[in-house]
């Protein structure tokens, strides 16, 4: 007998079709609830009730092997097909990673995410800022496995994931692999897991990573980059940070996270304590760097903590890749340049000026390894400050001339507020009347005078003394 109470649908109860708008238009109610399942996104389906209401759903096995879990995505006709498919894909991925949509959490408290966060946040040998970078790096790259129970990730599963990604992103895949391997080694020692699934990846599986050697060529790329650095419309914070990296060779992270407490305006030095290699690092301010920092310090919008604050004022600027890309486009430099490549460019400038390797290593704060260097060197001695400042002024003047054509052109063009009055001359030389007059008097009396002697002999001349300028140029002497 022919059934008259069933609306026909050209799709079997158990068949799969690619759900399109046409399929949606053809859906009709039946006596019982039924499902139209998608053939392309497995787990995406439409649930059709007898009263005619149709809903998008997403379903999959919890953790890839557990019980089937289902979650409603939205009502057909209210939520667009594209949005429903996109949301369903996210839900299916979460369920397969071990997240129960009804509970909103993993079947285990020890997920890979928790393990990664626990390892890096408890590691006393890693700086908090660096730990956050590592955590974000792993979380971003390992997202499909993050909410899985750390003990349930098999070696074969990890190897499949590694091999899939190492073809497309070899450098990053290998870096994150080493980070996850360290996390599991820690978990084994803490008896949190029994096996390390990353051990299945051997040297044979890992890519050969060639160290990056990119730097800006001094004769062609660097002049174009510097002129674009001056002219391109980017934030002043990013511009100042790039000048600092180029002029000092500082690591990007150390430069961007620089705090005012690390800036000594009495001796005009930067004294970094929390560096990558754990060694304190003293950097005398060159004339250019001093002008930049003085101007930033005197700004009414100065952040209380960070020299280079982010736009929201909630911390330091974290990235300068976008402004760098704008500069590279303006300079018509097609080959990629990373912020760390500016540190290599600093090394190239040092070699161009004839610096010895040990001098460049000291300026870059590379590990010396000797006990004397590590424990007994006075990194704030006036002699060391004076010697390094002379070298760093060579770097800055070289950069300024390439950028503007003048030895001090960048300072006078953009950072004049950070200059001493004695420096505000067209030639760029310091016209220090007090010292010149003091030397003339010494020639007449044929012996050196203390500053107290000058004050007694000529109070009017002594008023011209600028102790801050003397400290900046390392000609300051105590009475």
Protein backbone atom coordinates (compact mmCIF):
# COMPACT_ATOMS: atom_id res chain seq x y z
CA UNK A 1 0.00 0.00 0.00
CA UNK A 2 1.33 3.42 -0.96
CA UNK A 3 2.14 5.67 2.00
CA UNK A 4 0.54 9.07 1.68
CA UNK A 5 1.77 10.58 4.94
CA UNK A 6 5.46 10.69 4.00
CA UNK A 7 6.99 13.58 2.09
CA UNK A 8 9.54 12.21 -0.34
CA UNK A 9 13.18 13.43 -0.24
CA UNK A 10 15.63 12.43 -2.90
CA UNK A 11 18.18 11.47 -0.24
CA UNK A 12 18.34 8.11 1.59
CA UNK A 13 18.38 8.05 5.41
CA UNK A 14 21.86 6.51 5.41
CA UNK A 15 23.36 8.23 2.35
CA UNK A 16 25.70 11.22 2.31
CA UNK A 17 25.52 14.21 -0.02
CA UNK A 18 27.42 17.42 -0.36
CA UNK A 19 25.11 19.79 1.47
CA UNK A 20 24.42 22.79 -0.79
CA UNK A 21 21.74 25.42 -0.91
CA UNK A 22 19.81 23.26 -3.39
CA UNK A 23 19.81 20.36 -0.92
CA UNK A 24 18.53 22.72 1.78
CA UNK A 25 15.70 23.83 -0.49
CA UNK A 26 14.70 20.19 -1.16
CA UNK A 27 14.51 19.16 2.51
CA UNK A 28 10.98 18.21 3.61
CA UNK A 29 9.70 16.78 6.94
CA UNK A 30 8.96 13.08 7.47
CA UNK A 31 7.04 11.14 10.06
CA UNK A 32 10.24 10.55 12.05
CA UNK A 33 13.34 12.59 12.68
CA UNK A 34 16.05 11.99 10.10
CA UNK A 35 19.50 13.32 9.19
CA UNK A 36 21.10 14.60 6.01
CA UNK A 37 24.87 14.06 6.41
CA UNK A 38 27.55 15.92 4.48
CA UNK A 39 29.89 13.93 2.25
CA UNK A 40 32.77 16.42 2.37
CA UNK A 41 32.89 17.49 6.04
CA UNK A 42 32.40 14.24 7.94
CA UNK A 43 30.44 14.98 11.09
CA UNK A 44 28.49 17.91 9.63
CA UNK A 45 24.79 17.17 9.17
CA UNK A 46 21.25 18.53 9.22
CA UNK A 47 18.72 17.18 11.69
CA UNK A 48 15.15 17.39 10.35
CA UNK A 49 12.25 17.10 12.82
CA UNK A 50 8.73 15.86 11.87
CA UNK A 51 7.31 19.34 12.47
CA UNK A 52 9.59 20.70 9.78
CA UNK A 53 12.28 22.39 11.88
CA UNK A 54 15.80 21.71 10.56
CA UNK A 55 19.01 22.30 12.52
CA UNK A 56 22.70 22.10 11.64
CA UNK A 57 24.65 19.73 13.90
CA UNK A 58 28.28 18.69 14.36
CA UNK A 59 29.29 15.30 15.72
CA UNK A 60 32.38 13.15 16.15
CA UNK A 61 34.02 10.68 18.52
CA UNK A 62 35.49 12.22 21.66
CA UNK A 63 39.26 12.15 21.45
CA UNK A 64 39.02 10.32 18.14
CA UNK A 65 38.15 7.02 19.82
CA UNK A 66 35.61 7.67 22.56
CA UNK A 67 31.82 7.92 22.53
CA UNK A 68 30.10 9.91 19.79
CA UNK A 69 29.42 13.50 20.85
CA UNK A 70 27.00 15.89 19.17
CA UNK A 71 26.37 19.62 19.33
CA UNK A 72 23.80 21.82 17.63
CA UNK A 73 25.29 24.52 15.40
CA UNK A 74 22.23 26.56 14.48
CA UNK A 75 18.82 26.63 12.82
CA UNK A 76 18.63 26.26 9.04
CA UNK A 77 17.45 29.55 7.58
CA UNK A 78 18.72 31.54 10.55
CA UNK A 79 22.41 30.60 10.27
CA UNK A 80 23.91 30.67 6.78
CA UNK A 81 25.26 27.43 5.34
CA UNK A 82 28.82 28.84 5.09
CA UNK A 83 28.85 29.99 8.72
CA UNK A 84 27.34 26.70 9.89
CA UNK A 85 29.98 24.69 8.05
CA UNK A 86 32.77 26.85 9.47
CA UNK A 87 31.50 26.56 13.04
CA UNK A 88 30.90 22.81 12.64
CA UNK A 89 34.50 22.32 11.53
CA UNK A 90 35.72 24.00 14.72
CA UNK A 91 33.41 21.92 16.92
CA UNK A 92 34.42 18.65 15.23
CA UNK A 93 38.11 19.50 15.67
CA UNK A 94 37.55 20.27 19.36
CA UNK A 95 35.65 17.01 19.96
CA UNK A 96 38.37 15.00 18.22
CA UNK A 97 40.92 16.75 20.43
CA UNK A 98 39.11 15.51 23.54
CA UNK A 99 36.80 18.42 24.37
CA UNK A 100 33.30 17.31 25.36
CA UNK A 101 30.87 19.96 23.99
CA UNK A 102 28.47 19.26 26.87
CA UNK A 103 31.13 19.79 29.54
CA UNK A 104 33.35 22.24 27.69
CA UNK A 105 36.54 20.54 28.84
CA UNK A 106 38.87 17.68 28.09
CA UNK A 107 38.30 14.22 29.48
CA UNK A 108 41.57 14.73 31.36
CA UNK A 109 42.96 17.67 33.32
CA UNK A 110 46.43 16.91 31.98
CA UNK A 111 46.00 18.06 28.41
CA UNK A 112 48.94 18.90 26.19
CA UNK A 113 48.05 22.57 26.65
CA UNK A 114 48.18 22.28 30.45
CA UNK A 115 51.46 20.40 30.27
CA UNK A 116 53.07 23.02 28.02
CA UNK A 117 51.93 25.88 30.27
CA UNK A 118 53.06 24.06 33.41
CA UNK A 119 56.52 23.34 32.01
CA UNK A 120 57.30 26.86 30.80
CA UNK A 121 55.69 28.79 33.66
CA UNK A 122 57.57 26.74 36.27
CA UNK A 123 60.92 26.83 34.46
CA UNK A 124 63.22 29.08 36.50
CA UNK A 125 65.80 29.20 33.71
CA UNK A 126 63.49 30.89 31.21
CA UNK A 127 62.45 34.53 31.43
CA UNK A 128 58.67 35.05 31.84
CA UNK A 129 58.41 37.00 28.58
CA UNK A 130 60.35 34.32 26.71
CA UNK A 131 58.21 31.59 28.33
CA UNK A 132 55.06 33.29 27.05
CA UNK A 133 56.55 33.33 23.54
CA UNK A 134 57.30 29.60 23.72
CA UNK A 135 53.80 28.81 25.02
CA UNK A 136 52.13 30.83 22.27
CA UNK A 137 54.36 29.22 19.67
CA UNK A 138 53.41 25.69 20.71
CA UNK A 139 49.73 26.51 21.21
CA UNK A 140 49.43 28.07 17.76
CA UNK A 141 51.22 25.25 15.98
CA UNK A 142 49.86 22.26 17.89
CA UNK A 143 46.21 23.37 18.06
CA UNK A 144 44.66 20.08 16.80
CA UNK A 145 46.31 18.16 19.66
CA UNK A 146 46.25 20.76 22.43
CA UNK A 147 43.11 19.62 24.26
CA UNK A 148 43.94 15.94 24.04
CA UNK A 149 45.01 14.02 27.11
CA UNK A 150 48.81 14.29 27.07
CA UNK A 151 49.10 10.56 27.80
CA UNK A 152 46.76 9.57 24.96
CA UNK A 153 48.75 11.10 22.09
CA UNK A 154 50.41 8.12 20.45
CA UNK A 155 53.86 8.13 18.85
CA UNK A 156 52.37 7.19 15.48
CA UNK A 157 49.86 10.02 15.70
CA UNK A 158 52.58 12.53 16.59
CA UNK A 159 54.81 11.32 13.75
CA UNK A 160 51.96 11.71 11.26
CA UNK A 161 51.36 15.27 12.45
CA UNK A 162 55.09 16.07 12.32
CA UNK A 163 55.56 14.68 8.80
CA UNK A 164 52.48 16.50 7.53
CA UNK A 165 53.78 19.88 8.68
CA UNK A 166 57.53 19.51 8.19
CA UNK A 167 57.06 19.53 4.41
CA UNK A 168 55.29 22.89 4.43
CA UNK A 169 57.05 24.61 7.35
CA UNK A 170 60.31 22.82 8.10
CA UNK A 171 61.97 25.43 10.32
CA UNK A 172 58.99 26.12 12.53
CA UNK A 173 57.96 22.47 12.72
CA UNK A 174 61.44 21.45 13.87
CA UNK A 175 61.57 24.28 16.43
CA UNK A 176 58.21 23.40 17.96
CA UNK A 177 59.15 19.70 17.91
CA UNK A 178 62.17 20.45 20.09
CA UNK A 179 59.98 22.47 22.46
CA UNK A 180 57.34 19.71 22.78
CA UNK A 181 60.07 17.10 23.25
CA UNK A 182 61.42 19.10 26.19
CA UNK A 183 57.91 19.35 27.65
CA UNK A 184 57.43 15.57 27.54
CA UNK A 185 60.90 14.89 28.97
CA UNK A 186 59.94 17.11 31.89
CA UNK A 187 56.59 15.30 32.28
CA UNK A 188 58.32 11.91 32.39
CA UNK A 189 60.73 13.04 35.11
CA UNK A 190 57.79 14.42 37.08
CA UNK A 191 55.99 11.09 36.54
CA UNK A 192 53.06 12.81 34.86
CA UNK A 193 53.25 10.59 31.76
CA UNK A 194 54.95 7.30 31.00
CA UNK A 195 56.01 7.73 27.39
CA UNK A 196 57.35 10.50 25.18
CA UNK A 197 55.58 10.32 21.79
CA UNK A 198 58.11 12.73 20.26
CA UNK A 199 60.89 10.13 20.57
CA UNK A 200 59.60 8.51 17.40
CA UNK A 201 60.97 11.46 15.40
CA UNK A 202 64.59 10.64 14.57
CA UNK A 203 67.39 12.63 12.98
CA UNK A 204 66.38 10.97 9.73
CA UNK A 205 62.92 12.61 9.96
CA UNK A 206 64.10 16.09 10.90
CA UNK A 207 64.96 18.67 8.23
CA UNK A 208 68.43 20.10 7.73
CA UNK A 209 68.03 23.71 8.82
CA UNK A 210 70.53 26.10 7.31
CA UNK A 211 71.28 28.97 9.70
CA UNK A 212 69.96 32.28 8.44
CA UNK A 213 72.75 34.59 7.31
CA UNK A 214 70.70 37.47 5.93
CA UNK A 215 71.88 41.04 6.47
CA UNK A 216 71.42 44.27 4.56
CA UNK A 217 74.20 44.87 2.06
CA UNK A 218 76.08 48.00 3.12
CA UNK A 219 76.63 49.36 -0.39
CA UNK A 220 73.14 48.89 -1.84
CA UNK A 221 70.35 47.81 0.54
CA UNK A 222 71.27 49.62 3.76
CA UNK A 223 71.23 53.17 2.27
CA UNK A 224 67.79 52.52 0.75
CA UNK A 225 66.51 50.97 3.98
CA UNK A 226 67.70 53.93 6.08
CA UNK A 227 66.18 56.53 3.78
CA UNK A 228 62.90 54.63 3.86
CA UNK A 229 63.17 54.40 7.65
CA UNK A 230 63.23 58.21 7.73
CA UNK A 231 60.51 58.80 5.14
CA UNK A 232 57.98 55.93 5.52
CA UNK A 233 54.75 56.65 7.38
CA UNK A 234 55.08 54.37 10.42
CA UNK A 235 54.62 54.95 14.14
CA UNK A 236 57.36 56.95 15.84
CA UNK A 237 57.67 54.18 18.43
CA UNK A 238 58.51 51.60 15.76
CA UNK A 239 60.89 54.02 14.02
CA UNK A 240 62.77 54.77 17.26
CA UNK A 241 62.97 51.06 18.13
CA UNK A 242 64.48 50.24 14.72
CA UNK A 243 67.07 53.00 15.12
CA UNK A 244 67.99 51.59 18.53
CA UNK A 245 68.46 48.05 17.17
CA UNK A 246 70.54 49.26 14.23
CA UNK A 247 72.68 51.58 16.37
CA UNK A 248 73.38 49.16 19.23
CA UNK A 249 73.00 45.64 17.80
CA UNK A 250 70.52 44.81 20.57
CA UNK A 251 68.36 41.72 20.26
CA UNK A 252 64.84 42.56 19.12
CA UNK A 253 63.15 41.27 22.27
CA UNK A 254 65.57 43.11 24.57
CA UNK A 255 65.16 46.36 22.63
CA UNK A 256 61.37 46.27 22.43
CA UNK A 257 60.96 45.35 26.11
CA UNK A 258 63.44 48.01 27.31
CA UNK A 259 62.32 49.64 30.58
CA UNK A 260 63.13 53.13 31.82
CA UNK A 261 64.71 51.58 34.92
CA UNK A 262 67.38 50.15 32.60
CA UNK A 263 68.19 53.61 31.20
CA UNK A 264 70.80 55.53 33.18
CA UNK A 265 70.66 59.22 32.22
CA UNK A 266 73.43 60.11 34.69
CA UNK A 267 76.13 58.02 33.01
CA UNK A 268 74.22 57.81 29.70
CA UNK A 269 74.28 54.05 29.50
CA UNK A 270 71.80 51.20 29.13
CA UNK A 271 72.34 48.48 31.69
CA UNK A 272 70.41 45.35 30.75
CA UNK A 273 70.15 42.71 33.46
CA UNK A 274 67.58 40.25 32.08
CA UNK A 275 69.31 39.24 28.85
CA UNK A 276 69.05 36.06 26.80
CA UNK A 277 72.39 34.66 28.01
CA UNK A 278 71.75 35.79 31.64
CA UNK A 279 74.80 38.10 31.55
CA UNK A 280 74.30 41.78 32.32
CA UNK A 281 75.04 43.99 29.32
CA UNK A 282 76.25 47.59 29.40
CA UNK A 283 75.61 49.73 26.32
CA UNK A 284 76.83 53.33 26.30
CA UNK A 285 74.46 55.68 24.50
CA UNK A 286 75.84 57.02 21.26
CA UNK A 287 74.88 60.60 20.43
CA UNK A 288 72.00 59.37 18.26
CA UNK A 289 70.65 56.90 20.82
CA UNK A 290 70.89 59.50 23.60
CA UNK A 291 68.95 62.04 21.53
CA UNK A 292 66.22 59.48 20.80
CA UNK A 293 65.86 58.37 24.41
CA UNK A 294 65.95 61.89 25.86
CA UNK A 295 63.20 62.96 23.45
CA UNK A 296 61.09 59.94 24.36
CA UNK A 297 61.67 60.50 28.08
CA UNK A 298 60.60 64.15 27.83
CA UNK A 299 57.47 63.30 25.86
CA UNK A 300 54.18 64.16 27.67
CA UNK A 301 52.85 60.77 26.50
CA UNK A 302 55.74 58.81 28.02
CA UNK A 303 54.86 55.42 29.45
CA UNK A 304 55.90 55.02 33.07
CA UNK A 305 57.52 51.62 32.56
CA UNK A 306 58.39 50.90 28.94
CA UNK A 307 60.51 52.93 26.54
CA UNK A 308 58.52 51.52 23.61
CA UNK A 309 54.94 50.96 24.85
CA UNK A 310 52.24 49.34 22.76
CA UNK A 311 49.29 51.34 21.43
CA UNK A 312 46.98 50.27 24.24
CA UNK A 313 49.41 51.24 27.00
CA UNK A 314 49.22 47.78 28.58
CA UNK A 315 52.83 46.75 28.03
CA UNK A 316 55.72 46.95 25.61
CA UNK A 317 55.41 46.85 21.84
CA UNK A 318 55.64 43.20 20.85
CA UNK A 319 56.19 43.17 17.11
CA UNK A 320 57.66 45.45 14.43
CA UNK A 321 57.27 43.20 11.40
CA UNK A 322 54.50 45.28 9.81
CA UNK A 323 56.35 48.62 9.95
CA UNK A 324 59.48 46.83 8.73
CA UNK A 325 57.54 45.44 5.78
CA UNK A 326 56.32 48.94 4.88
CA UNK A 327 59.91 50.18 4.99
CA UNK A 328 61.11 47.32 2.78
CA UNK A 329 58.36 48.04 0.24
CA UNK A 330 59.24 51.75 0.23
CA UNK A 331 62.92 50.85 -0.22
CA UNK A 332 62.04 48.37 -2.98
CA UNK A 333 63.87 45.56 -1.18
CA UNK A 334 62.15 42.37 -2.29
CA UNK A 335 64.06 39.79 -0.27
CA UNK A 336 62.67 39.36 3.24
CA UNK A 337 64.44 41.04 6.14
CA UNK A 338 63.68 40.08 9.75
CA UNK A 339 64.39 42.30 12.78
CA UNK A 340 67.22 39.95 13.81
CA UNK A 341 68.85 40.57 10.42
CA UNK A 342 69.48 44.15 11.59
CA UNK A 343 71.70 42.69 14.33
CA UNK A 344 73.70 40.91 11.63
CA UNK A 345 73.86 44.19 9.73
CA UNK A 346 75.33 45.79 12.87
CA UNK A 347 78.05 43.12 12.80
CA UNK A 348 78.77 43.89 9.13
CA UNK A 349 79.13 47.61 9.95
CA UNK A 350 81.60 46.75 12.71
CA UNK A 351 83.69 44.68 10.29
CA UNK A 352 83.56 47.52 7.75
CA UNK A 353 85.05 49.87 10.35
CA UNK A 354 87.85 47.42 11.15
CA UNK A 355 86.68 46.28 14.58
CA UNK A 356 88.20 43.10 15.92
CA UNK A 357 85.92 40.10 16.44
CA UNK A 358 86.26 40.30 20.23
CA UNK A 359 85.14 43.95 20.11
CA UNK A 360 82.04 43.09 18.08
CA UNK A 361 81.25 40.16 20.38
CA UNK A 362 81.43 42.45 23.41
CA UNK A 363 79.09 45.00 21.80
CA UNK A 364 76.63 42.22 20.92
CA UNK A 365 76.85 40.63 24.41
CA UNK A 366 77.88 37.28 23.01
CA UNK A 367 79.05 34.84 25.65
CA UNK A 368 82.80 35.04 26.23
CA UNK A 369 82.94 31.94 28.42
CA UNK A 370 85.91 32.97 30.51
CA UNK A 371 85.62 33.23 34.28
CA UNK A 372 87.30 36.63 34.21
CA UNK A 373 84.80 38.05 31.75
CA UNK A 374 81.81 36.57 33.55
CA UNK A 375 82.63 37.38 37.17
CA UNK A 376 85.35 39.99 37.41
CA UNK A 377 84.84 42.55 34.64
CA UNK A 378 83.49 45.89 35.89
CA UNK A 379 80.96 46.61 33.17
CA UNK A 380 80.34 50.17 34.38
CA UNK A 381 83.95 51.30 34.61
CA UNK A 382 84.53 54.75 33.05
CA UNK A 383 87.29 53.35 30.83
CA UNK A 384 85.03 50.65 29.37
CA UNK A 385 82.15 53.10 28.91
CA UNK A 386 84.41 55.58 27.11
CA UNK A 387 85.90 52.91 24.83
CA UNK A 388 82.56 51.46 23.82
CA UNK A 389 80.95 54.86 23.33
CA UNK A 390 83.63 55.81 20.83
CA UNK A 391 82.88 52.65 18.85
CA UNK A 392 79.10 53.08 18.98
CA UNK A 393 79.35 56.69 17.83
CA UNK A 394 81.13 55.38 14.73
CA UNK A 395 78.15 53.13 14.05
CA UNK A 396 75.59 55.90 14.57
CA UNK A 397 77.39 58.51 12.49
CA UNK A 398 77.82 56.00 9.67
CA UNK A 399 74.08 55.22 9.74
CA UNK A 400 73.07 58.88 9.91
CA UNK A 401 75.25 59.79 6.93
CA UNK A 402 73.76 56.99 4.82
CA UNK A 403 70.25 58.08 5.81
CA UNK A 404 70.60 61.84 5.40
CA UNK A 405 73.91 62.64 3.77
CA UNK A 406 75.15 64.35 6.94
CA UNK A 407 77.10 62.90 9.83
CA UNK A 408 74.49 64.06 12.33
CA UNK A 409 71.62 64.66 9.93
CA UNK A 410 69.10 62.33 11.57
CA UNK A 411 69.63 63.84 15.01
CA UNK A 412 69.21 67.42 13.78
CA UNK A 413 66.31 66.50 11.55
CA UNK A 414 64.18 64.44 13.94
CA UNK A 415 65.58 64.44 17.46
CA UNK A 416 66.70 68.05 17.99
CA UNK A 417 64.81 68.14 21.32
CA UNK A 418 67.33 65.63 22.67
CA UNK A 419 70.39 67.76 21.83
CA UNK A 420 72.42 69.85 24.24
CA UNK A 421 72.60 73.56 23.46
CA UNK A 422 76.32 73.11 22.76
CA UNK A 423 75.47 70.65 19.99
CA UNK A 424 73.07 72.91 18.14
CA UNK A 425 75.56 74.04 15.51
CA UNK A 426 75.39 73.42 11.77
CA UNK A 427 78.68 71.54 11.65
CA UNK A 428 77.48 68.95 14.13
CA UNK A 429 80.54 69.53 16.32
CA UNK A 430 80.23 70.31 20.01
CA UNK A 431 81.14 73.92 20.79
CA UNK A 432 81.80 73.67 24.51
CA UNK A 433 82.86 77.14 25.62
CA UNK A 434 83.57 76.18 29.22
CA UNK A 435 86.11 73.48 28.39
CA UNK A 436 87.82 75.58 25.69
CA UNK A 437 88.20 78.52 28.11
CA UNK A 438 89.41 76.23 30.91
CA UNK A 439 92.14 74.82 28.65
CA UNK A 440 93.24 78.35 27.68
CA UNK A 441 93.61 79.30 31.34
CA UNK A 442 95.59 76.11 32.01
CA UNK A 443 98.00 76.98 29.18
CA UNK A 444 98.62 80.41 30.72
CA UNK A 445 99.17 79.18 34.28
CA UNK A 446 100.98 76.07 33.02
CA UNK A 447 99.19 73.57 35.23
CA UNK A 448 95.86 71.75 35.28
CA UNK A 449 92.95 73.29 37.13
CA UNK A 450 90.24 71.52 39.01
CA UNK A 451 86.67 72.62 38.45
CA UNK A 452 86.76 74.16 41.93
CA UNK A 453 89.78 76.22 40.86
CA UNK A 454 87.84 77.53 37.84
CA UNK A 455 84.85 78.35 40.04
CA UNK A 456 87.06 80.41 42.36
CA UNK A 457 89.00 82.18 39.58
CA UNK A 458 86.09 82.84 37.23
CA UNK A 459 82.57 82.27 38.62
CA UNK A 460 81.03 83.58 35.41
CA UNK A 461 82.88 81.01 33.32
CA UNK A 462 81.97 78.20 35.72
CA UNK A 463 78.27 78.94 35.15
CA UNK A 464 78.78 77.77 31.55
CA UNK A 465 79.77 74.34 32.74
CA UNK A 466 77.43 71.51 31.57
CA UNK A 467 78.12 68.40 33.62
CA UNK A 468 75.48 66.36 31.76
CA UNK A 469 77.21 67.03 28.45
CA UNK A 470 80.56 66.09 29.98
CA UNK A 471 79.17 62.75 31.10
CA UNK A 472 77.66 62.11 27.67
CA UNK A 473 81.02 62.77 26.01
CA UNK A 474 83.07 61.05 28.74
CA UNK A 475 85.02 64.19 29.65
CA UNK A 476 83.48 64.56 33.09
CA UNK A 477 85.81 64.58 36.05
CA UNK A 478 84.95 64.86 39.71
CA UNK A 479 86.67 67.57 41.73
